[in-house]
C-alpha cells in the first residue's frame, strides 16, 4: 500500500481506537498523520471512507494470513480451517475490531452500516465455502446456517470465557472445539436432512464465473502496475506470478510458493488480495 495512504490510515486507526470515531475530526487525522488536507482528500473523500479503508486493510491482512495458512495444504484438512479461524480471532483482539465495529454502530452512517453488513455476509459465505471444502457438496444445504453458528459461537464463547476465567483465552483450543462441534452437527444433519435455513447463500447477485488462469494472469499484471516504488518486491513477485499463470503450463509448486510469500507481506489492497485468492483456488483444481 502507498506509504502516504498507509500513514493516514495508521493515524486514523490510532485516533478511532483511543479517542473514538465520532470524537475524531478530519483535522485530528491531519495533525496526527502530519499531512495536508489535500493529501487526505487525494485518498479519501470523507472520514467514513477512511474508516472503511482501515477495516478493509485489516480484512486484507486476515485474508492474506488465511491464504498463507492454506497454501500447500489440502482444503479439506480441518486443521487448516481451525488455523484460519484462529487468525481472525487473534487479529480481532490485536486490532480492537470490536471497538471499530462499535464506532460503525453508533455513527448511524448508512455507508458504514452497509459496509458492516457486506463484511458480515462475506465472512459467513467464506465460512460456508470452507465447510463445503471440508465435508463435500452434500454439506452445501447446511453450510450457511452452520457458518452462522460458528460465527456466533466464537463471539459468545469468548465472552463466556472472559466472564468465567481470568486466564488468557486459549484461541487454538477454542478453534479446535468449534471444528469438533461442527463435525458432529453437520454429520448428523447430512444423515437426517434437518435444517432451519433454506437458502444456500446470502448474496442476491448471481455468482461470478470463476476467472481462468489466463484471465487472472492479465488482471494480476494490470494490478502490478498500480504498485508503487515502496512495493517493488511485491510488484516483481506479482509480475512473476502473472507470467507463470499465463504460460499455459504453470508450475503449481512455484506458484504456491510465490502466493505464500505474497501472503506474508504487509496488507495489500483488497483488489490484489482477491486476485491472489482466485489464483490459489484455480491452482487447487489442477
Protein backbone atom coordinates (compact mmCIF):
# COMPACT_ATOMS: atom_id res chain seq x y z
CA UNK A 1 0.00 0.00 0.00
CA UNK A 2 1.14 3.54 -0.76
CA UNK A 3 3.15 4.86 2.22
CA UNK A 4 1.27 8.18 2.46
CA UNK A 5 -2.07 6.40 2.38
CA UNK A 6 -0.84 3.92 4.99
CA UNK A 7 0.36 6.81 7.17
CA UNK A 8 -3.11 8.37 7.13
CA UNK A 9 -4.75 5.02 7.86
CA UNK A 10 -2.41 4.36 10.79
CA UNK A 11 -3.06 7.82 12.24
CA UNK A 12 -6.84 7.49 11.86
CA UNK A 13 -6.78 3.99 13.35
CA UNK A 14 -4.93 5.26 16.43
CA UNK A 15 -7.40 8.12 16.87
CA UNK A 16 -10.51 5.99 16.33
CA UNK A 17 -9.32 3.42 18.90
CA UNK A 18 -8.13 5.87 21.55
CA UNK A 19 -10.40 8.88 21.07
CA UNK A 20 -13.36 7.36 19.27
CA UNK A 21 -14.57 7.68 15.70
CA UNK A 22 -17.29 10.23 16.42
CA UNK A 23 -14.98 12.40 18.56
CA UNK A 24 -12.19 12.40 15.97
CA UNK A 25 -12.25 15.01 13.21
CA UNK A 26 -10.53 15.05 9.84
CA UNK A 27 -8.32 17.82 11.22
CA UNK A 28 -7.30 15.50 14.07
CA UNK A 29 -6.28 12.92 11.47
CA UNK A 30 -4.29 15.51 9.51
CA UNK A 31 -2.46 16.59 12.67
CA UNK A 32 -1.77 13.00 13.77
CA UNK A 33 -0.52 11.95 10.34
CA UNK A 34 1.32 15.19 9.63
CA UNK A 35 -0.23 15.58 6.18
CA UNK A 36 -2.13 18.32 4.41
CA UNK A 37 -5.86 18.37 3.76
CA UNK A 38 -5.15 17.96 0.04
CA UNK A 39 -3.16 14.80 0.70
CA UNK A 40 -6.02 13.35 2.77
CA UNK A 41 -8.60 14.08 0.08
CA UNK A 42 -6.31 12.58 -2.53
CA UNK A 43 -7.07 9.20 -0.96
CA UNK A 44 -10.35 9.62 0.94
CA UNK A 45 -13.48 11.63 0.33
CA UNK A 46 -14.65 11.51 3.95
CA UNK A 47 -13.88 10.30 7.46
CA UNK A 48 -16.21 7.34 6.96
CA UNK A 49 -14.33 6.30 3.83
CA UNK A 50 -11.14 6.42 5.88
CA UNK A 51 -12.68 4.08 8.49
CA UNK A 52 -13.77 1.71 5.73
CA UNK A 53 -10.20 1.74 4.39
CA UNK A 54 -8.94 0.77 7.86
CA UNK A 55 -11.39 -2.12 8.06
CA UNK A 56 -10.53 -3.24 4.52
CA UNK A 57 -6.82 -3.11 5.34
CA UNK A 58 -7.36 -5.34 8.37
CA UNK A 59 -9.63 -7.56 6.28
CA UNK A 60 -6.92 -7.91 3.64
CA UNK A 61 -4.43 -8.87 6.34
CA UNK A 62 -6.80 -11.56 7.60
CA UNK A 63 -7.36 -12.90 4.07
CA UNK A 64 -3.64 -12.94 3.32
CA UNK A 65 -2.83 -14.81 6.54
CA UNK A 66 -5.64 -17.27 5.87
CA UNK A 67 -4.30 -17.91 2.40
CA UNK A 68 -0.77 -18.35 3.77
CA UNK A 69 -2.16 -20.96 6.20
CA UNK A 70 -3.80 -22.88 3.35
CA UNK A 71 -1.18 -22.76 0.59
CA UNK A 72 0.39 -26.16 0.00
CA UNK A 73 -2.23 -27.97 2.09
CA UNK A 74 -5.46 -29.78 1.33
CA UNK A 75 -8.54 -27.55 1.51
CA UNK A 76 -10.35 -30.47 3.17
CA UNK A 77 -7.97 -30.54 6.14
CA UNK A 78 -9.94 -29.46 9.26
CA UNK A 79 -6.72 -28.27 10.91
CA UNK A 80 -6.36 -25.66 8.17
CA UNK A 81 -9.83 -24.26 8.88
CA UNK A 82 -9.07 -24.27 12.62
CA UNK A 83 -5.91 -22.26 11.98
CA UNK A 84 -7.81 -19.85 9.72
CA UNK A 85 -10.43 -19.29 12.44
CA UNK A 86 -7.60 -18.62 14.90
CA UNK A 87 -6.25 -15.93 12.58
CA UNK A 88 -9.45 -13.88 12.69
CA UNK A 89 -9.86 -14.31 16.46
CA UNK A 90 -6.25 -13.24 17.01
CA UNK A 91 -6.43 -10.21 14.74
CA UNK A 92 -9.83 -9.22 16.14
CA UNK A 93 -8.12 -8.95 19.51
CA UNK A 94 -4.90 -7.36 18.31
CA UNK A 95 -6.63 -4.74 16.17
CA UNK A 96 -9.50 -3.99 18.58
CA UNK A 97 -12.03 -4.70 15.86
CA UNK A 98 -14.88 -4.72 18.36
CA UNK A 99 -14.14 -1.06 19.12
CA UNK A 100 -14.17 -0.20 15.42
CA UNK A 101 -17.46 -2.02 14.84
CA UNK A 102 -18.92 -0.16 17.82
CA UNK A 103 -17.92 3.05 16.04
CA UNK A 104 -19.85 1.93 12.98
CA UNK A 105 -22.92 1.03 15.07
CA UNK A 106 -23.07 4.31 16.96
CA UNK A 107 -22.26 6.52 13.97
CA UNK A 108 -25.58 5.69 12.24
CA UNK A 109 -23.93 6.50 8.90
CA UNK A 110 -25.60 4.47 6.15
CA UNK A 111 -22.34 3.99 4.23
CA UNK A 112 -20.73 2.44 7.30
CA UNK A 113 -23.72 0.25 8.15
CA UNK A 114 -23.83 -1.05 4.58
CA UNK A 115 -20.11 -1.85 4.71
CA UNK A 116 -20.58 -3.65 8.04
CA UNK A 117 -23.38 -5.77 6.58
CA UNK A 118 -21.34 -6.63 3.49
CA UNK A 119 -18.39 -7.63 5.67
CA UNK A 120 -20.62 -9.86 7.80
CA UNK A 121 -22.16 -11.52 4.74
CA UNK A 122 -18.74 -12.07 3.16
CA UNK A 123 -17.43 -13.74 6.33
CA UNK A 124 -20.45 -16.07 6.58
CA UNK A 125 -20.17 -17.03 2.92
CA UNK A 126 -16.41 -17.63 3.29
CA UNK A 127 -17.04 -19.97 6.24
CA UNK A 128 -19.83 -21.67 4.23
CA UNK A 129 -17.48 -22.40 1.34
CA UNK A 130 -14.83 -23.72 3.72
CA UNK A 131 -17.42 -26.04 5.29
CA UNK A 132 -18.16 -27.43 1.82
CA UNK A 133 -14.40 -27.85 1.28
CA UNK A 134 -14.29 -29.98 4.42
CA UNK A 135 -17.43 -32.07 4.03
CA UNK A 136 -18.15 -32.05 0.29
CA UNK A 137 -21.04 -30.76 -1.80
CA UNK A 138 -23.56 -32.80 0.16
CA UNK A 139 -22.92 -30.41 3.06
CA UNK A 140 -23.93 -27.37 0.96
CA UNK A 141 -27.58 -27.23 2.17
CA UNK A 142 -26.36 -26.97 5.77
CA UNK A 143 -23.27 -24.82 5.27
CA UNK A 144 -24.75 -21.34 5.67
CA UNK A 145 -26.60 -21.98 8.94
CA UNK A 146 -23.53 -23.71 10.36
CA UNK A 147 -21.43 -20.73 9.29
CA UNK A 148 -23.79 -18.54 11.30
CA UNK A 149 -23.50 -20.85 14.29
CA UNK A 150 -19.70 -20.84 14.07
CA UNK A 151 -19.57 -17.05 13.81
CA UNK A 152 -21.94 -16.56 16.73
CA UNK A 153 -20.46 -19.34 18.87
CA UNK A 154 -16.97 -17.88 18.64
CA UNK A 155 -18.18 -14.48 19.87
CA UNK A 156 -20.29 -15.89 22.70
CA UNK A 157 -17.69 -18.40 23.88
CA UNK A 158 -15.09 -15.63 24.03
CA UNK A 159 -17.46 -13.54 26.18
CA UNK A 160 -18.23 -16.54 28.42
CA UNK A 161 -14.53 -17.33 28.82
CA UNK A 162 -13.76 -13.79 29.92
CA UNK A 163 -16.67 -13.82 32.38
CA UNK A 164 -15.73 -17.18 33.88
CA UNK A 165 -11.92 -17.18 33.79
CA UNK A 166 -9.03 -14.83 34.44
CA UNK A 167 -6.74 -16.93 32.25
CA UNK A 168 -5.74 -15.86 28.76
CA UNK A 169 -8.14 -17.04 26.06
CA UNK A 170 -6.84 -20.33 24.57
CA UNK A 171 -7.52 -19.45 20.94
CA UNK A 172 -6.31 -22.72 19.43
CA UNK A 173 -8.39 -24.79 21.85
CA UNK A 174 -11.42 -22.65 21.03
CA UNK A 175 -10.97 -23.18 17.29
CA UNK A 176 -10.46 -26.93 17.73
CA UNK A 177 -13.62 -27.11 19.86
CA UNK A 178 -15.60 -25.25 17.20
CA UNK A 179 -14.41 -27.67 14.50
CA UNK A 180 -15.32 -30.71 16.63
CA UNK A 181 -18.82 -29.34 17.23
CA UNK A 182 -19.18 -28.53 13.54
CA UNK A 183 -18.23 -32.08 12.55
CA UNK A 184 -20.75 -33.54 14.98
CA UNK A 185 -23.56 -31.20 13.95
CA UNK A 186 -23.20 -31.30 10.19
CA UNK A 187 -22.64 -35.08 10.08
CA UNK A 188 -25.95 -35.55 11.90
CA UNK A 189 -27.68 -33.07 9.60
CA UNK A 190 -26.49 -34.88 6.48
CA UNK A 191 -27.90 -38.09 7.94
CA UNK A 192 -31.30 -36.65 8.89
CA UNK A 193 -31.76 -33.75 6.47
CA UNK A 194 -32.66 -31.49 9.39
CA UNK A 195 -32.06 -27.78 8.76
CA UNK A 196 -33.53 -24.40 9.61
CA UNK A 197 -32.17 -22.01 6.93
CA UNK A 198 -33.33 -22.89 3.42
CA UNK A 199 -31.07 -20.55 1.49
CA UNK A 200 -27.58 -21.66 0.44
CA UNK A 201 -26.17 -18.14 0.23
CA UNK A 202 -26.92 -14.57 1.30
CA UNK A 203 -25.75 -12.56 -1.72
CA UNK A 204 -28.56 -11.54 -4.05
CA UNK A 205 -26.21 -11.17 -7.01
CA UNK A 206 -25.58 -14.10 -9.32
CA UNK A 207 -22.24 -15.76 -8.52
CA UNK A 208 -19.45 -14.53 -10.76
CA UNK A 209 -17.96 -17.10 -13.08
CA UNK A 210 -14.53 -18.21 -11.88
CA UNK A 211 -11.81 -16.47 -13.86
CA UNK A 212 -9.41 -18.65 -15.84
CA UNK A 213 -5.70 -18.65 -15.08
CA UNK A 214 -5.15 -16.75 -18.34
CA UNK A 215 -7.61 -14.05 -17.28
CA UNK A 216 -6.07 -13.86 -13.82
CA UNK A 217 -2.65 -13.51 -15.46
CA UNK A 218 -3.80 -10.38 -17.29
CA UNK A 219 -5.57 -8.94 -14.24
CA UNK A 220 -2.56 -9.53 -11.99
CA UNK A 221 -0.26 -7.81 -14.48
CA UNK A 222 -2.59 -4.81 -14.53
CA UNK A 223 -2.70 -4.76 -10.74
CA UNK A 224 1.10 -4.94 -10.55
CA UNK A 225 1.29 -1.66 -12.47
CA UNK A 226 -0.63 0.08 -9.68
CA UNK A 227 2.05 -0.80 -7.09
CA UNK A 228 4.50 1.99 -6.35
CA UNK A 229 8.22 2.11 -5.56
CA UNK A 230 7.71 1.20 -1.89
CA UNK A 231 6.13 -2.06 -3.05
CA UNK A 232 8.84 -3.02 -5.55
CA UNK A 233 9.39 -6.51 -4.12
CA UNK A 234 5.69 -7.32 -4.19
CA UNK A 235 5.44 -5.91 -7.72
CA UNK A 236 8.18 -8.23 -9.00
CA UNK A 237 6.51 -11.25 -7.43
CA UNK A 238 3.08 -10.34 -8.82
CA UNK A 239 4.56 -9.92 -12.32
CA UNK A 240 6.37 -13.25 -12.00
CA UNK A 241 3.15 -14.96 -10.87
CA UNK A 242 1.25 -13.33 -13.73
CA UNK A 243 3.75 -14.67 -16.27
CA UNK A 244 3.72 -18.13 -14.71
CA UNK A 245 -0.09 -18.35 -14.73
CA UNK A 246 -0.20 -17.18 -18.35
CA UNK A 247 2.46 -19.63 -19.53
CA UNK A 248 -0.03 -22.38 -20.37
CA UNK A 249 1.70 -24.82 -18.02
CA UNK A 250 2.03 -23.04 -14.68
CA UNK A 251 4.16 -24.84 -12.12
CA UNK A 252 1.84 -25.33 -9.17
CA UNK A 253 4.59 -25.61 -6.57
CA UNK A 254 6.30 -22.46 -7.84
CA UNK A 255 3.04 -20.51 -7.94
CA UNK A 256 2.08 -21.62 -4.43
CA UNK A 257 5.50 -20.58 -3.16
CA UNK A 258 5.02 -17.10 -4.63
CA UNK A 259 1.48 -16.90 -3.24
CA UNK A 260 2.72 -17.87 0.23
CA UNK A 261 5.42 -15.19 0.06
CA UNK A 262 2.98 -12.50 -1.08
CA UNK A 263 0.51 -13.56 1.61
CA UNK A 264 3.11 -12.80 4.27
CA UNK A 265 3.76 -9.27 3.00
CA UNK A 266 2.11 -6.27 4.75
CA UNK A 267 -1.55 -5.95 3.80
CA UNK A 268 -2.13 -5.47 0.08
CA UNK A 269 -5.01 -3.56 -1.46
CA UNK A 270 -8.24 -5.58 -1.43
CA UNK A 271 -8.34 -5.98 -5.24
CA UNK A 272 -4.93 -7.65 -5.32
CA UNK A 273 -5.77 -9.95 -2.40
CA UNK A 274 -8.95 -11.12 -4.16
CA UNK A 275 -6.98 -11.91 -7.33
CA UNK A 276 -4.37 -13.84 -5.36
CA UNK A 277 -7.11 -15.85 -3.65
CA UNK A 278 -8.70 -16.66 -7.01
CA UNK A 279 -5.35 -17.79 -8.37
CA UNK A 280 -4.87 -20.09 -5.37
CA UNK A 281 -8.36 -21.58 -5.80
CA UNK A 282 -7.80 -22.23 -9.50
CA UNK A 283 -4.47 -23.91 -8.77
CA UNK A 284 -6.23 -26.19 -6.27
CA UNK A 285 -8.25 -27.64 -9.14
CA UNK A 286 -5.19 -28.69 -11.13
